[in-house]
Amino acid sequence: MKTRIQELRKKHKITQEELALSVGVSRQTITSLENEKYTASLVLAYKISRFFNLTIEDVFDFSETEKEEL
């Protein structure tokens, strides 16, 4: 699943480690999310979105998921 996490982190000038600590995961989890190797749980997606003060849909791209369901 595509995300805007890396773009948002850079915009807000925070590291993967800082984001990870803020949402309660490891830096490796953030790396995996940014590299599309891991899909966030709903709870983690919510925490990351709230961290950036955005909606889940503003951070995570569900368009590919929607195509798979059709």
C-alpha atoms as a PDB file:
ATOM      1  CA  MET A   1       0.000   0.000   0.000  1.00  0.00           C
ATOM      2  CA  LYS A   2       1.343   3.402  -0.927  1.00  0.00           C
ATOM      3  CA  THR A   3       1.717   5.998   1.778  1.00  0.00           C
ATOM      4  CA  ARG A   4       2.736   9.624   2.125  1.00  0.00           C
ATOM      5  CA  ILE A   5       4.639   8.934   5.358  1.00  0.00           C
ATOM      6  CA  GLN A   6       8.094   9.731   3.997  1.00  0.00           C
ATOM      7  CA  GLU A   7       6.855  12.900   2.296  1.00  0.00           C
ATOM      8  CA  LEU A   8       5.100  14.028   5.493  1.00  0.00           C
ATOM      9  CA  ARG A   9       8.113  13.237   7.678  1.00  0.00           C
ATOM     10  CA  LYS A  10      10.393  15.292   5.465  1.00  0.00           C
ATOM     11  CA  LYS A  11       7.897  18.150   5.346  1.00  0.00           C
ATOM     12  CA  HIS A  12       7.755  18.186   9.163  1.00  0.00           C
ATOM     13  CA  LYS A  13      11.524  17.562   9.474  1.00  0.00           C
ATOM     14  CA  ILE A  14      11.264  14.486  11.666  1.00  0.00           C
ATOM     15  CA  THR A  15      13.209  11.248  11.494  1.00  0.00           C
ATOM     16  CA  GLN A  16      11.851   7.740  11.181  1.00  0.00           C
ATOM     17  CA  GLU A  17      12.964   7.171  14.769  1.00  0.00           C
ATOM     18  CA  GLU A  18      11.047  10.206  16.046  1.00  0.00           C
ATOM     19  CA  LEU A  19       7.871   9.141  14.264  1.00  0.00           C
ATOM     20  CA  ALA A  20       8.277   5.555  15.463  1.00  0.00           C
ATOM     21  CA  LEU A  21       8.650   6.649  19.092  1.00  0.00           C
ATOM     22  CA  SER A  22       5.622   8.919  18.802  1.00  0.00           C
ATOM     23  CA  VAL A  23       3.334   6.168  17.501  1.00  0.00           C
ATOM     24  CA  GLY A  24       4.787   3.276  19.512  1.00  0.00           C
ATOM     25  CA  VAL A  25       6.519   1.168  16.855  1.00  0.00           C
ATOM     26  CA  SER A  26      10.101   0.470  15.792  1.00  0.00           C
ATOM     27  CA  ARG A  27      12.003   2.517  13.247  1.00  0.00           C
ATOM     28  CA  GLN A  28      12.077  -0.617  11.081  1.00  0.00           C
ATOM     29  CA  THR A  29       8.268  -0.604  10.956  1.00  0.00           C
ATOM     30  CA  ILE A  30       8.284   2.962   9.644  1.00  0.00           C
ATOM     31  CA  THR A  31      10.928   1.976   7.075  1.00  0.00           C
ATOM     32  CA  SER A  32       8.818  -0.986   5.967  1.00  0.00           C
ATOM     33  CA  LEU A  33       5.717   1.192   5.632  1.00  0.00           C
ATOM     34  CA  GLU A  34       7.592   3.756   3.563  1.00  0.00           C
ATOM     35  CA  ASN A  35       9.007   1.011   1.304  1.00  0.00           C
ATOM     36  CA  GLU A  36       5.573  -0.609   0.886  1.00  0.00           C
ATOM     37  CA  LYS A  37       6.791  -3.849   2.470  1.00  0.00           C
ATOM     38  CA  TYR A  38       4.291  -3.707   5.323  1.00  0.00           C
ATOM     39  CA  THR A  39       0.655  -2.673   5.585  1.00  0.00           C
ATOM     40  CA  ALA A  40      -0.279  -0.774   8.714  1.00  0.00           C
ATOM     41  CA  SER A  41      -2.990  -2.054  11.008  1.00  0.00           C
ATOM     42  CA  LEU A  42      -5.997   0.185  11.377  1.00  0.00           C
ATOM     43  CA  VAL A  43      -4.779   1.266  14.819  1.00  0.00           C
ATOM     44  CA  LEU A  44      -1.303   2.153  13.520  1.00  0.00           C
ATOM     45  CA  ALA A  45      -2.738   3.950  10.486  1.00  0.00           C
ATOM     46  CA  TYR A  46      -4.908   5.970  12.855  1.00  0.00           C
ATOM     47  CA  LYS A  47      -1.953   6.846  15.122  1.00  0.00           C
ATOM     48  CA  ILE A  48       0.225   7.949  12.194  1.00  0.00           C
ATOM     49  CA  SER A  49      -2.584   9.988  10.679  1.00  0.00           C
ATOM     50  CA  ARG A  50      -3.367  11.686  13.991  1.00  0.00           C
ATOM     51  CA  PHE A  51       0.344  12.426  14.470  1.00  0.00           C
ATOM     52  CA  PHE A  52       0.267  14.461  11.257  1.00  0.00           C
ATOM     53  CA  ASN A  53      -3.212  15.821  12.071  1.00  0.00           C
ATOM     54  CA  LEU A  54      -4.641  14.276   8.889  1.00  0.00           C
ATOM     55  CA  THR A  55      -7.215  11.646   8.002  1.00  0.00           C
ATOM     56  CA  ILE A  56      -6.163   8.080   7.259  1.00  0.00           C
ATOM     57  CA  GLU A  57      -7.115   8.642   3.621  1.00  0.00           C
ATOM     58  CA  ASP A  58      -4.763  11.643   3.461  1.00  0.00           C
ATOM     59  CA  VAL A  59      -1.799   9.468   4.497  1.00  0.00           C
ATOM     60  CA  PHE A  60      -2.594   6.064   2.988  1.00  0.00           C
ATOM     61  CA  ASP A  61      -3.548   5.371  -0.643  1.00  0.00           C
ATOM     62  CA  PHE A  62      -6.317   2.771  -0.799  1.00  0.00           C
ATOM     63  CA  SER A  63      -6.825   2.958  -4.579  1.00  0.00           C
ATOM     64  CA  GLU A  64      -4.939  -0.297  -5.254  1.00  0.00           C
ATOM     65  CA  THR A  65      -6.846  -2.074  -2.497  1.00  0.00           C
ATOM     66  CA  GLU A  66     -10.155  -0.936  -3.960  1.00  0.00           C
ATOM     67  CA  LYS A  67      -9.199  -2.291  -7.414  1.00  0.00           C
ATOM     68  CA  GLU A  68      -8.351  -5.705  -5.917  1.00  0.00           C
ATOM     69  CA  GLU A  69     -11.804  -5.948  -4.343  1.00  0.00           C
ATOM     70  CA  LEU A  70     -13.572  -5.435  -7.682  1.00  0.00           C
END
